[in-house]
């Protein structure tokens, strides 16, 4: 009974770590080149409008809207990446578990063959 609880606790800890890895990967991958290009495009538009003499009351809301869109796109992309990375991490975890079981079975078969040959 104690061994099952320890094994279940270990599995939950591995799953928690897998979710944390997926979260970290999504956080770093959220700000990719597309988002950076979009941000620079907004900056260029704001600079051009200011050099053309457009009043600040028009440029400021446009800049704020652009920054909001950058944040929204980054947030959405991060959420999508998190879901994908979670699936990848859980699949990797499941693969490791099946490899452990397969190795245990292979060891038992080898031991049985060695015993039988003696």
PDB file of N, CA and C in Angstrom:
ATOM      1  N   UNK A   1       0.827  -1.189   0.000  1.00  0.00           N
ATOM      2  CA  UNK A   1       0.000   0.000   0.000  1.00  0.00           C
ATOM      3  C   UNK A   1       0.873   1.256   0.000  1.00  0.00           C
ATOM      4  N   UNK A   2       1.914   1.268   0.824  1.00  0.00           N
ATOM      5  CA  UNK A   2       2.791   2.422   0.913  1.00  0.00           C
ATOM      6  C   UNK A   2       3.563   2.642  -0.372  1.00  0.00           C
ATOM      7  N   UNK A   3       3.923   1.539  -1.033  1.00  0.00           N
ATOM      8  CA  UNK A   3       4.668   1.644  -2.295  1.00  0.00           C
ATOM      9  C   UNK A   3       3.792   2.241  -3.393  1.00  0.00           C
ATOM     10  N   UNK A   4       2.508   1.876  -3.419  1.00  0.00           N
ATOM     11  CA  UNK A   4       1.581   2.444  -4.407  1.00  0.00           C
ATOM     12  C   UNK A   4       1.410   3.945  -4.191  1.00  0.00           C
ATOM     13  N   UNK A   5       1.275   4.362  -2.949  1.00  0.00           N
ATOM     14  CA  UNK A   5       1.122   5.784  -2.650  1.00  0.00           C
ATOM     15  C   UNK A   5       2.371   6.559  -3.035  1.00  0.00           C
ATOM     16  N   UNK A   6       3.537   5.972  -2.765  1.00  0.00           N
ATOM     17  CA  UNK A   6       4.786   6.642  -3.129  1.00  0.00           C
ATOM     18  C   UNK A   6       4.906   6.750  -4.646  1.00  0.00           C
ATOM     19  N   UNK A   7       4.504   5.697  -5.344  1.00  0.00           N
ATOM     20  CA  UNK A   7       4.555   5.714  -6.802  1.00  0.00           C
ATOM     21  C   UNK A   7       3.573   6.734  -7.377  1.00  0.00           C
ATOM     22  N   UNK A   8       2.380   6.791  -6.809  1.00  0.00           N
ATOM     23  CA  UNK A   8       1.380   7.763  -7.264  1.00  0.00           C
ATOM     24  C   UNK A   8       1.835   9.190  -6.967  1.00  0.00           C
ATOM     25  N   UNK A   9       2.438   9.396  -5.817  1.00  0.00           N
ATOM     26  CA  UNK A   9       2.948  10.712  -5.455  1.00  0.00           C
ATOM     27  C   UNK A   9       4.072  11.125  -6.425  1.00  0.00           C
ATOM     28  N   UNK A  10       4.920  10.170  -6.767  1.00  0.00           N
ATOM     29  CA  UNK A  10       6.007  10.438  -7.713  1.00  0.00           C
ATOM     30  C   UNK A  10       5.450  10.781  -9.099  1.00  0.00           C
ATOM     31  N   UNK A  11       4.407  10.049  -9.524  1.00  0.00           N
ATOM     32  CA  UNK A  11       3.788  10.342 -10.819  1.00  0.00           C
ATOM     33  C   UNK A  11       3.155  11.734 -10.843  1.00  0.00           C
ATOM     34  N   UNK A  12       2.485  12.110  -9.751  1.00  0.00           N
ATOM     35  CA  UNK A  12       1.880  13.447  -9.680  1.00  0.00           C
ATOM     36  C   UNK A  12       2.957  14.523  -9.721  1.00  0.00           C
ATOM     37  N   UNK A  13       4.073  14.278  -9.056  1.00  0.00           N
ATOM     38  CA  UNK A  13       5.176  15.245  -9.064  1.00  0.00           C
ATOM     39  C   UNK A  13       5.764  15.373 -10.471  1.00  0.00           C
ATOM     40  N   UNK A  14       5.893  14.249 -11.164  1.00  0.00           N
ATOM     41  CA  UNK A  14       6.399  14.297 -12.544  1.00  0.00           C
ATOM     42  C   UNK A  14       5.430  15.050 -13.456  1.00  0.00           C
ATOM     43  N   UNK A  15       4.130  14.845 -13.261  1.00  0.00           N
ATOM     44  CA  UNK A  15       3.142  15.572 -14.055  1.00  0.00           C
ATOM     45  C   UNK A  15       3.190  17.068 -13.759  1.00  0.00           C
ATOM     46  N   UNK A  16       3.361  17.405 -12.489  1.00  0.00           N
ATOM     47  CA  UNK A  16       3.454  18.817 -12.116  1.00  0.00           C
ATOM     48  C   UNK A  16       4.682  19.454 -12.769  1.00  0.00           C
ATOM     49  N   UNK A  17       5.786  18.742 -12.755  1.00  0.00           N
ATOM     50  CA  UNK A  17       6.999  19.252 -13.397  1.00  0.00           C
ATOM     51  C   UNK A  17       6.824  19.364 -14.909  1.00  0.00           C
ATOM     52  N   UNK A  18       6.087  18.418 -15.502  1.00  0.00           N
ATOM     53  CA  UNK A  18       5.831  18.485 -16.942  1.00  0.00           C
ATOM     54  C   UNK A  18       4.996  19.718 -17.278  1.00  0.00           C
ATOM     55  N   UNK A  19       3.982  20.014 -16.464  1.00  0.00           N
ATOM     56  CA  UNK A  19       3.173  21.215 -16.688  1.00  0.00           C
ATOM     57  C   UNK A  19       4.012  22.479 -16.506  1.00  0.00           C
ATOM     58  N   UNK A  20       4.905  22.461 -15.519  1.00  0.00           N
ATOM     59  CA  UNK A  20       5.763  23.630 -15.291  1.00  0.00           C
ATOM     60  C   UNK A  20       6.709  23.837 -16.477  1.00  0.00           C
ATOM     61  N   UNK A  21       7.281  22.739 -17.009  1.00  0.00           N
ATOM     62  CA  UNK A  21       8.143  22.853 -18.188  1.00  0.00           C
ATOM     63  C   UNK A  21       7.372  23.394 -19.374  1.00  0.00           C
ATOM     64  N   UNK A  22       6.139  22.916 -19.557  1.00  0.00           N
ATOM     65  CA  UNK A  22       5.306  23.395 -20.665  1.00  0.00           C
ATOM     66  C   UNK A  22       4.996  24.883 -20.491  1.00  0.00           C
ATOM     67  N   UNK A  23       4.719  25.288 -19.275  1.00  0.00           N
ATOM     68  CA  UNK A  23       4.424  26.696 -19.002  1.00  0.00           C
ATOM     69  C   UNK A  23       5.643  27.573 -19.284  1.00  0.00           C
ATOM     70  N   UNK A  24       6.811  27.121 -18.849  1.00  0.00           N
ATOM     71  CA  UNK A  24       8.041  27.882 -19.096  1.00  0.00           C
ATOM     72  C   UNK A  24       8.357  27.972 -20.582  1.00  0.00           C
ATOM     73  N   UNK A  25       8.199  26.856 -21.292  1.00  0.00           N
ATOM     74  CA  UNK A  25       8.451  26.866 -22.729  1.00  0.00           C
ATOM     75  C   UNK A  25       7.496  27.804 -23.449  1.00  0.00           C
ATOM     76  N   UNK A  26       6.224  27.792 -23.055  1.00  0.00           N
ATOM     77  CA  UNK A  26       5.231  28.663 -23.699  1.00  0.00           C
ATOM     78  C   UNK A  26       5.520  30.130 -23.393  1.00  0.00           C
ATOM     79  N   UNK A  27       5.949  30.402 -22.173  1.00  0.00           N
ATOM     80  CA  UNK A  27       6.248  31.789 -21.797  1.00  0.00           C
ATOM     81  C   UNK A  27       7.398  32.349 -22.628  1.00  0.00           C
ATOM     82  N   UNK A  28       8.410  31.538 -22.873  1.00  0.00           N
ATOM     83  CA  UNK A  28       9.549  32.035 -23.648  1.00  0.00           C
ATOM     84  C   UNK A  28       9.256  32.066 -25.142  1.00  0.00           C
ATOM     85  N   UNK A  29       8.414  31.175 -25.629  1.00  0.00           N
ATOM     86  CA  UNK A  29       8.122  31.126 -27.064  1.00  0.00           C
ATOM     87  C   UNK A  29       7.007  32.077 -27.475  1.00  0.00           C
ATOM     88  N   UNK A  30       6.338  32.675 -26.527  1.00  0.00           N
ATOM     89  CA  UNK A  30       5.196  33.540 -26.821  1.00  0.00           C
ATOM     90  C   UNK A  30       5.597  34.761 -27.645  1.00  0.00           C
ATOM     91  N   UNK A  31       6.761  35.316 -27.368  1.00  0.00           N
ATOM     92  CA  UNK A  31       7.195  36.532 -28.052  1.00  0.00           C
ATOM     93  C   UNK A  31       8.114  36.160 -29.202  1.00  0.00           C
ATOM     94  N   UNK A  32       7.536  35.681 -30.273  1.00  0.00           N
ATOM     95  CA  UNK A  32       8.339  35.270 -31.419  1.00  0.00           C
ATOM     96  C   UNK A  32       8.558  36.432 -32.383  1.00  0.00           C
ATOM     97  N   UNK A  33       9.119  36.132 -33.528  1.00  0.00           N
ATOM     98  CA  UNK A  33       9.478  37.153 -34.511  1.00  0.00           C
ATOM     99  C   UNK A  33       8.247  37.895 -35.041  1.00  0.00           C
ATOM    100  N   UNK A  34       7.139  37.193 -35.221  1.00  0.00           N
ATOM    101  CA  UNK A  34       5.926  37.848 -35.734  1.00  0.00           C
ATOM    102  C   UNK A  34       5.438  38.954 -34.798  1.00  0.00           C
ATOM    103  N   UNK A  35       5.461  38.681 -33.518  1.00  0.00           N
ATOM    104  CA  UNK A  35       5.026  39.677 -32.542  1.00  0.00           C
ATOM    105  C   UNK A  35       5.999  40.861 -32.537  1.00  0.00           C
ATOM    106  N   UNK A  36       7.286  40.580 -32.625  1.00  0.00           N
ATOM    107  CA  UNK A  36       8.282  41.662 -32.647  1.00  0.00           C
ATOM    108  C   UNK A  36       8.116  42.529 -33.893  1.00  0.00           C
ATOM    109  N   UNK A  37       7.869  41.923 -35.036  1.00  0.00           N
ATOM    110  CA  UNK A  37       7.656  42.687 -36.266  1.00  0.00           C
ATOM    111  C   UNK A  37       6.404  43.551 -36.149  1.00  0.00           C
ATOM    112  N   UNK A  38       5.355  43.003 -35.579  1.00  0.00           N
ATOM    113  CA  UNK A  38       4.120  43.758 -35.369  1.00  0.00           C
ATOM    114  C   UNK A  38       4.374  44.957 -34.456  1.00  0.00           C
ATOM    115  N   UNK A  39       5.149  44.747 -33.412  1.00  0.00           N
ATOM    116  CA  UNK A  39       5.465  45.828 -32.481  1.00  0.00           C
ATOM    117  C   UNK A  39       6.278  46.926 -33.177  1.00  0.00           C
ATOM    118  N   UNK A  40       7.259  46.541 -33.974  1.00  0.00           N
ATOM    119  CA  UNK A  40       8.044  47.548 -34.698  1.00  0.00           C
ATOM    120  C   UNK A  40       7.203  48.276 -35.741  1.00  0.00           C
ATOM    121  N   UNK A  41       6.262  47.589 -36.345  1.00  0.00           N
ATOM    122  CA  UNK A  41       5.374  48.254 -37.305  1.00  0.00           C
ATOM    123  C   UNK A  41       4.553  49.336 -36.611  1.00  0.00           C
ATOM    124  N   UNK A  42       4.058  49.039 -35.427  1.00  0.00           N
ATOM    125  CA  UNK A  42       3.297  50.042 -34.664  1.00  0.00           C
ATOM    126  C   UNK A  42       4.198  51.231 -34.317  1.00  0.00           C
ATOM    127  N   UNK A  43       5.418  50.938 -33.896  1.00  0.00           N
ATOM    128  CA  UNK A  43       6.356  52.008 -33.571  1.00  0.00           C
ATOM    129  C   UNK A  43       6.638  52.891 -34.790  1.00  0.00           C
ATOM    130  N   UNK A  44       6.834  52.283 -35.929  1.00  0.00           N
ATOM    131  CA  UNK A  44       7.096  53.040 -37.161  1.00  0.00           C
ATOM    132  C   UNK A  44       5.897  53.907 -37.530  1.00  0.00           C
ATOM    133  N   UNK A  45       4.698  53.349 -37.422  1.00  0.00           N
ATOM    134  CA  UNK A  45       3.488  54.120 -37.728  1.00  0.00           C
ATOM    135  C   UNK A  45       3.363  55.321 -36.802  1.00  0.00           C
ATOM    136  N   UNK A  46       3.620  55.111 -35.515  1.00  0.00           N
ATOM    137  CA  UNK A  46       3.529  56.212 -34.548  1.00  0.00           C
ATOM    138  C   UNK A  46       4.562  57.288 -34.883  1.00  0.00           C
ATOM    139  N   UNK A  47       5.781  56.880 -35.193  1.00  0.00           N
ATOM    140  CA  UNK A  47       6.828  57.863 -35.525  1.00  0.00           C
ATOM    141  C   UNK A  47       6.468  58.636 -36.792  1.00  0.00           C
ATOM    142  N   UNK A  48       5.985  57.939 -37.805  1.00  0.00           N
ATOM    143  CA  UNK A  48       5.596  58.609 -39.050  1.00  0.00           C
ATOM    144  C   UNK A  48       4.470  59.606 -38.791  1.00  0.00           C
ATOM    145  N   UNK A  49       3.469  59.200 -38.029  1.00  0.00           N
ATOM    146  CA  UNK A  49       2.360  60.109 -37.736  1.00  0.00           C
ATOM    147  C   UNK A  49       2.827  61.342 -36.965  1.00  0.00           C
ATOM    148  N   UNK A  50       3.742  61.152 -36.024  1.00  0.00           N
ATOM    149  CA  UNK A  50       4.242  62.297 -35.260  1.00  0.00           C
ATOM    150  C   UNK A  50       5.062  63.232 -36.147  1.00  0.00           C
ATOM    151  N   UNK A  51       5.873  62.695 -37.056  1.00  0.00           N
ATOM    152  CA  UNK A  51       6.641  63.539 -37.970  1.00  0.00           C
ATOM    153  C   UNK A  51       5.743  64.257 -38.978  1.00  0.00           C
ATOM    154  N   UNK A  52       4.588  63.690 -39.268  1.00  0.00           N
ATOM    155  CA  UNK A  52       3.660  64.334 -40.197  1.00  0.00           C
ATOM    156  C   UNK A  52       2.841  65.421 -39.515  1.00  0.00           C
ATOM    157  N   UNK A  53       2.997  65.555 -38.233  1.00  0.00           N
ATOM    158  CA  UNK A  53       2.313  66.629 -37.517  1.00  0.00           C
ATOM    159  C   UNK A  53       0.927  66.257 -37.024  1.00  0.00           C
ATOM    160  N   UNK A  54       0.606  64.962 -36.996  1.00  0.00           N
ATOM    161  CA  UNK A  54      -0.689  64.520 -36.471  1.00  0.00           C
ATOM    162  C   UNK A  54      -0.688  64.775 -34.967  1.00  0.00           C
ATOM    163  N   UNK A  55      -1.798  65.281 -34.462  1.00  0.00           N
ATOM    164  CA  UNK A  55      -1.845  65.671 -33.053  1.00  0.00           C
ATOM    165  C   UNK A  55      -1.747  64.442 -32.141  1.00  0.00           C
ATOM    166  N   UNK A  56      -1.220  64.678 -30.969  1.00  0.00           N
ATOM    167  CA  UNK A  56      -0.963  63.602 -30.009  1.00  0.00           C
ATOM    168  C   UNK A  56      -2.260  62.921 -29.552  1.00  0.00           C
ATOM    169  N   UNK A  57      -3.372  63.634 -29.557  1.00  0.00           N
ATOM    170  CA  UNK A  57      -4.649  63.054 -29.141  1.00  0.00           C
ATOM    171  C   UNK A  57      -5.104  61.948 -30.083  1.00  0.00           C
ATOM    172  N   UNK A  58      -4.585  61.939 -31.292  1.00  0.00           N
ATOM    173  CA  UNK A  58      -4.914  60.871 -32.243  1.00  0.00           C
ATOM    174  C   UNK A  58      -3.864  59.766 -32.181  1.00  0.00           C
ATOM    175  N   UNK A  59      -2.604  60.155 -32.049  1.00  0.00           N
ATOM    176  CA  UNK A  59      -1.509  59.179 -32.072  1.00  0.00           C
ATOM    177  C   UNK A  59      -1.488  58.332 -30.794  1.00  0.00           C
ATOM    178  N   UNK A  60      -1.732  58.937 -29.653  1.00  0.00           N
ATOM    179  CA  UNK A  60      -1.662  58.212 -28.376  1.00  0.00           C
ATOM    180  C   UNK A  60      -2.665  57.056 -28.301  1.00  0.00           C
ATOM    181  N   UNK A  61      -3.954  57.267 -28.639  1.00  0.00           N
ATOM    182  CA  UNK A  61      -4.869  56.118 -28.611  1.00  0.00           C
ATOM    183  C   UNK A  61      -4.485  55.037 -29.632  1.00  0.00           C
ATOM    184  N   UNK A  62      -3.963  55.468 -30.783  1.00  0.00           N
ATOM    185  CA  UNK A  62      -3.515  54.501 -31.784  1.00  0.00           C
ATOM    186  C   UNK A  62      -2.360  53.662 -31.244  1.00  0.00           C
ATOM    187  N   UNK A  63      -1.405  54.315 -30.571  1.00  0.00           N
ATOM    188  CA  UNK A  63      -0.281  53.587 -29.978  1.00  0.00           C
ATOM    189  C   UNK A  63      -0.763  52.649 -28.870  1.00  0.00           C
ATOM    190  N   UNK A  64      -1.686  53.120 -28.046  1.00  0.00           N
ATOM    191  CA  UNK A  64      -2.214  52.277 -26.968  1.00  0.00           C
ATOM    192  C   UNK A  64      -2.967  51.073 -27.536  1.00  0.00           C
ATOM    193  N   UNK A  65      -3.743  51.318 -28.580  1.00  0.00           N
ATOM    194  CA  UNK A  65      -4.448  50.207 -29.228  1.00  0.00           C
ATOM    195  C   UNK A  65      -3.454  49.196 -29.791  1.00  0.00           C
ATOM    196  N   UNK A  66      -2.399  49.687 -30.429  1.00  0.00           N
ATOM    197  CA  UNK A  66      -1.377  48.799 -30.987  1.00  0.00           C
ATOM    198  C   UNK A  66      -0.695  47.965 -29.921  1.00  0.00           C
ATOM    199  N   UNK A  67      -0.348  48.592 -28.801  1.00  0.00           N
ATOM    200  CA  UNK A  67       0.274  47.848 -27.711  1.00  0.00           C
ATOM    201  C   UNK A  67      -0.679  46.816 -27.121  1.00  0.00           C
ATOM    202  N   UNK A  68      -1.947  47.188 -27.027  1.00  0.00           N
ATOM    203  CA  UNK A  68      -2.947  46.229 -26.551  1.00  0.00           C
ATOM    204  C   UNK A  68      -3.067  45.032 -27.487  1.00  0.00           C
ATOM    205  N   UNK A  69      -3.014  45.301 -28.778  1.00  0.00           N
ATOM    206  CA  UNK A  69      -3.091  44.198 -29.756  1.00  0.00           C
ATOM    207  C   UNK A  69      -1.855  43.302 -29.671  1.00  0.00           C
ATOM    208  N   UNK A  70      -0.687  43.900 -29.464  1.00  0.00           N
ATOM    209  CA  UNK A  70       0.539  43.101 -29.295  1.00  0.00           C
ATOM    210  C   UNK A  70       0.401  42.202 -28.080  1.00  0.00           C
ATOM    211  N   UNK A  71      -0.072  42.761 -26.962  1.00  0.00           N
ATOM    212  CA  UNK A  71      -0.241  41.958 -25.753  1.00  0.00           C
ATOM    213  C   UNK A  71      -1.259  40.841 -25.976  1.00  0.00           C
ATOM    214  N   UNK A  72      -2.384  41.179 -26.620  1.00  0.00           N
ATOM    215  CA  UNK A  72      -3.433  40.187 -26.864  1.00  0.00           C
ATOM    216  C   UNK A  72      -2.931  39.063 -27.758  1.00  0.00           C
ATOM    217  N   UNK A  73      -2.227  39.402 -28.822  1.00  0.00           N
ATOM    218  CA  UNK A  73      -1.691  38.371 -29.725  1.00  0.00           C
ATOM    219  C   UNK A  73      -0.667  37.497 -29.005  1.00  0.00           C
ATOM    220  N   UNK A  74       0.190  38.117 -28.200  1.00  0.00           N
ATOM    221  CA  UNK A  74       1.176  37.346 -27.437  1.00  0.00           C
ATOM    222  C   UNK A  74       0.524  36.432 -26.426  1.00  0.00           C
ATOM    223  N   UNK A  75      -0.497  36.935 -25.752  1.00  0.00           N
ATOM    224  CA  UNK A  75      -1.208  36.129 -24.758  1.00  0.00           C
ATOM    225  C   UNK A  75      -1.891  34.937 -25.420  1.00  0.00           C
ATOM    226  N   UNK A  76      -2.569  35.200 -26.566  1.00  0.00           N
ATOM    227  CA  UNK A  76      -3.260  34.128 -27.278  1.00  0.00           C
ATOM    228  C   UNK A  76      -2.268  33.083 -27.772  1.00  0.00           C
ATOM    229  N   UNK A  77      -1.172  33.537 -28.322  1.00  0.00           N
ATOM    230  CA  UNK A  77      -0.165  32.605 -28.821  1.00  0.00           C
ATOM    231  C   UNK A  77       0.436  31.796 -27.672  1.00  0.00           C
ATOM    232  N   UNK A  78       0.674  32.435 -26.532  1.00  0.00           N
ATOM    233  CA  UNK A  78       1.197  31.721 -25.369  1.00  0.00           C
ATOM    234  C   UNK A  78       0.244  30.652 -24.876  1.00  0.00           C
ATOM    235  N   UNK A  79      -1.044  30.957 -24.888  1.00  0.00           N
ATOM    236  CA  UNK A  79      -2.037  29.964 -24.455  1.00  0.00           C
ATOM    237  C   UNK A  79      -2.061  28.763 -25.398  1.00  0.00           C
ATOM    238  N   UNK A  80      -2.019  29.033 -26.709  1.00  0.00           N
ATOM    239  CA  UNK A  80      -2.007  27.938 -27.681  1.00  0.00           C
ATOM    240  C   UNK A  80      -0.739  27.097 -27.549  1.00  0.00           C
ATOM    241  N   UNK A  81       0.382  27.761 -27.364  1.00  0.00           N
ATOM    242  CA  UNK A  81       1.635  27.031 -27.205  1.00  0.00           C
ATOM    243  C   UNK A  81       1.635  26.214 -25.924  1.00  0.00           C
ATOM    244  N   UNK A  82       1.055  26.748 -24.853  1.00  0.00           N
ATOM    245  CA  UNK A  82       0.994  26.011 -23.596  1.00  0.00           C
ATOM    246  C   UNK A  82       0.227  24.705 -23.772  1.00  0.00           C
ATOM    247  N   UNK A  83      -0.899  24.761 -24.462  1.00  0.00           N
ATOM    248  CA  UNK A  83      -1.683  23.549 -24.700  1.00  0.00           C
ATOM    249  C   UNK A  83      -0.878  22.523 -25.497  1.00  0.00           C
ATOM    250  N   UNK A  84      -0.190  23.007 -26.542  1.00  0.00           N
ATOM    251  CA  UNK A  84       0.609  22.100 -27.367  1.00  0.00           C
ATOM    252  C   UNK A  84       1.777  21.519 -26.570  1.00  0.00           C
ATOM    253  N   UNK A  85       2.456  22.362 -25.802  1.00  0.00           N
ATOM    254  CA  UNK A  85       3.595  21.887 -25.022  1.00  0.00           C
ATOM    255  C   UNK A  85       3.158  20.940 -23.916  1.00  0.00           C
ATOM    256  N   UNK A  86       1.966  21.158 -23.346  1.00  0.00           N
ATOM    257  CA  UNK A  86       1.446  20.225 -22.338  1.00  0.00           C
ATOM    258  C   UNK A  86       1.248  18.848 -22.938  1.00  0.00           C
ATOM    259  N   UNK A  87       0.666  18.802 -24.124  1.00  0.00           N
ATOM    260  CA  UNK A  87       0.470  17.519 -24.794  1.00  0.00           C
ATOM    261  C   UNK A  87       1.804  16.840 -25.062  1.00  0.00           C
ATOM    262  N   UNK A  88       2.795  17.619 -25.509  1.00  0.00           N
ATOM    263  CA  UNK A  88       4.111  17.054 -25.778  1.00  0.00           C
ATOM    264  C   UNK A  88       4.764  16.527 -24.498  1.00  0.00           C
ATOM    265  N   UNK A  89       4.699  17.295 -23.434  1.00  0.00           N
ATOM    266  CA  UNK A  89       5.327  16.889 -22.174  1.00  0.00           C
ATOM    267  C   UNK A  89       4.642  15.660 -21.584  1.00  0.00           C
ATOM    268  N   UNK A  90       3.304  15.615 -21.650  1.00  0.00           N
ATOM    269  CA  UNK A  90       2.593  14.440 -21.133  1.00  0.00           C
ATOM    270  C   UNK A  90       2.866  13.207 -21.984  1.00  0.00           C
ATOM    271  N   UNK A  91       2.994  13.398 -23.296  1.00  0.00           N
ATOM    272  CA  UNK A  91       3.342  12.268 -24.167  1.00  0.00           C
ATOM    273  C   UNK A  91       4.747  11.766 -23.853  1.00  0.00           C
ATOM    274  N   UNK A  92       5.668  12.687 -23.605  1.00  0.00           N
ATOM    275  CA  UNK A  92       7.024  12.293 -23.252  1.00  0.00           C
ATOM    276  C   UNK A  92       7.038  11.546 -21.921  1.00  0.00           C
ATOM    277  N   UNK A  93       6.257  12.021 -20.969  1.00  0.00           N
ATOM    278  CA  UNK A  93       6.159  11.371 -19.666  1.00  0.00           C
ATOM    279  C   UNK A  93       5.579   9.964 -19.799  1.00  0.00           C
ATOM    280  N   UNK A  94       4.547   9.832 -20.608  1.00  0.00           N
ATOM    281  CA  UNK A  94       3.944   8.516 -20.837  1.00  0.00           C
ATOM    282  C   UNK A  94       4.926   7.580 -21.521  1.00  0.00           C
ATOM    283  N   UNK A  95       5.698   8.112 -22.460  1.00  0.00           N
ATOM    284  CA  UNK A  95       6.713   7.302 -23.143  1.00  0.00           C
ATOM    285  C   UNK A  95       7.758   6.803 -22.146  1.00  0.00           C
ATOM    286  N   UNK A  96       8.189   7.685 -21.236  1.00  0.00           N
ATOM    287  CA  UNK A  96       9.162   7.275 -20.227  1.00  0.00           C
ATOM    288  C   UNK A  96       8.591   6.176 -19.333  1.00  0.00           C
ATOM    289  N   UNK A  97       7.321   6.308 -18.970  1.00  0.00           N
ATOM    290  CA  UNK A  97       6.694   5.275 -18.135  1.00  0.00           C
ATOM    291  C   UNK A  97       6.631   3.941 -18.853  1.00  0.00           C
ATOM    292  N   UNK A  98       6.242   3.952 -20.129  1.00  0.00           N
ATOM    293  CA  UNK A  98       6.164   2.690 -20.864  1.00  0.00           C
ATOM    294  C   UNK A  98       7.553   2.098 -21.070  1.00  0.00           C
ATOM    295  N   UNK A  99       8.571   2.942 -21.258  1.00  0.00           N
ATOM    296  CA  UNK A  99       9.945   2.435 -21.387  1.00  0.00           C
ATOM    297  C   UNK A  99      10.381   1.757 -20.096  1.00  0.00           C
ATOM    298  N   UNK A 100      10.032   2.347 -18.955  1.00  0.00           N
ATOM    299  CA  UNK A 100      10.381   1.738 -17.670  1.00  0.00           C
ATOM    300  C   UNK A 100       9.715   0.371 -17.521  1.00  0.00           C
ATOM    301  N   UNK A 101       8.442   0.289 -17.906  1.00  0.00           N
ATOM    302  CA  UNK A 101       7.721  -0.983 -17.812  1.00  0.00           C
ATOM    303  C   UNK A 101       8.344  -2.005 -18.761  1.00  0.00           C
ATOM    304  N   UNK A 102       8.643  -1.571 -19.993  1.00  0.00           N
ATOM    305  CA  UNK A 102       9.256  -2.482 -20.964  1.00  0.00           C
ATOM    306  C   UNK A 102      10.612  -2.978 -20.476  1.00  0.00           C
ATOM    307  N   UNK A 103      11.408  -2.085 -19.896  1.00  0.00           N
ATOM    308  CA  UNK A 103      12.712  -2.490 -19.378  1.00  0.00           C
ATOM    309  C   UNK A 103      12.556  -3.476 -18.227  1.00  0.00           C
ATOM    310  N   UNK A 104      11.564  -3.263 -17.379  1.00  0.00           N
ATOM    311  CA  UNK A 104      11.311  -4.185 -16.269  1.00  0.00           C
ATOM    312  C   UNK A 104      10.917  -5.563 -16.803  1.00  0.00           C
ATOM    313  N   UNK A 105      10.062  -5.578 -17.806  1.00  0.00           N
ATOM    314  CA  UNK A 105       9.644  -6.855 -18.406  1.00  0.00           C
ATOM    315  C   UNK A 105      10.821  -7.543 -19.068  1.00  0.00           C
ATOM    316  N   UNK A 106      11.633  -6.776 -19.816  1.00  0.00           N
ATOM    317  CA  UNK A 106      12.810  -7.354 -20.475  1.00  0.00           C
ATOM    318  C   UNK A 106      13.776  -7.936 -19.452  1.00  0.00           C
ATOM    319  N   UNK A 107      13.972  -7.236 -18.347  1.00  0.00           N
ATOM    320  CA  UNK A 107      14.858  -7.746 -17.296  1.00  0.00           C
ATOM    321  C   UNK A 107      14.312  -9.044 -16.712  1.00  0.00           C
ATOM    322  N   UNK A 108      13.007  -9.103 -16.493  1.00  0.00           N
ATOM    323  CA  UNK A 108      12.394 -10.320 -15.940  1.00  0.00           C
ATOM    324  C   UNK A 108      12.532 -11.479 -16.920  1.00  0.00           C
ATOM    325  N   UNK A 109      12.362 -11.206 -18.224  1.00  0.00           N
ATOM    326  CA  UNK A 109      12.493 -12.268 -19.224  1.00  0.00           C
ATOM    327  C   UNK A 109      13.933 -12.759 -19.276  1.00  0.00           C
ATOM    328  N   UNK A 110      14.880 -11.834 -19.285  1.00  0.00           N
ATOM    329  CA  UNK A 110      16.299 -12.238 -19.301  1.00  0.00           C
ATOM    330  C   UNK A 110      16.642 -13.081 -18.078  1.00  0.00           C
ATOM    331  N   UNK A 111      16.146 -12.676 -16.925  1.00  0.00           N
ATOM    332  CA  UNK A 111      16.420 -13.414 -15.690  1.00  0.00           C
ATOM    333  C   UNK A 111      15.821 -14.812 -15.769  1.00  0.00           C
ATOM    334  N   UNK A 112      14.594 -14.894 -16.303  1.00  0.00           N
ATOM    335  CA  UNK A 112      13.950 -16.203 -16.424  1.00  0.00           C
ATOM    336  C   UNK A 112      14.715 -17.093 -17.409  1.00  0.00           C
ATOM    337  N   UNK A 113      15.208 -16.523 -18.499  1.00  0.00           N
ATOM    338  CA  UNK A 113      15.976 -17.313 -19.475  1.00  0.00           C
ATOM    339  C   UNK A 113      17.283 -17.786 -18.845  1.00  0.00           C
ATOM    340  N   UNK A 114      17.959 -16.931 -18.118  1.00  0.00           N
ATOM    341  CA  UNK A 114      19.205 -17.311 -17.454  1.00  0.00           C
ATOM    342  C   UNK A 114      18.949 -18.436 -16.449  1.00  0.00           C
ATOM    343  N   UNK A 115      17.881 -18.326 -15.689  1.00  0.00           N
ATOM    344  CA  UNK A 115      17.539 -19.354 -14.704  1.00  0.00           C
ATOM    345  C   UNK A 115      17.218 -20.687 -15.383  1.00  0.00           C
ATOM    346  N   UNK A 116      16.579 -20.604 -16.513  1.00  0.00           N
ATOM    347  CA  UNK A 116      16.175 -21.826 -17.210  1.00  0.00           C
ATOM    348  C   UNK A 116      17.366 -22.516 -17.844  1.00  0.00           C
ATOM    349  N   UNK A 117      18.340 -21.728 -18.296  1.00  0.00           N
ATOM    350  CA  UNK A 117      19.530 -22.305 -18.927  1.00  0.00           C
ATOM    351  C   UNK A 117      20.471 -22.939 -17.920  1.00  0.00           C
ATOM    352  N   UNK A 118      20.343 -22.630 -16.673  1.00  0.00           N
ATOM    353  CA  UNK A 118      21.235 -23.199 -15.636  1.00  0.00           C
ATOM    354  C   UNK A 118      20.879 -24.578 -15.296  1.00  0.00           C
TER     355      UNK A 118
END
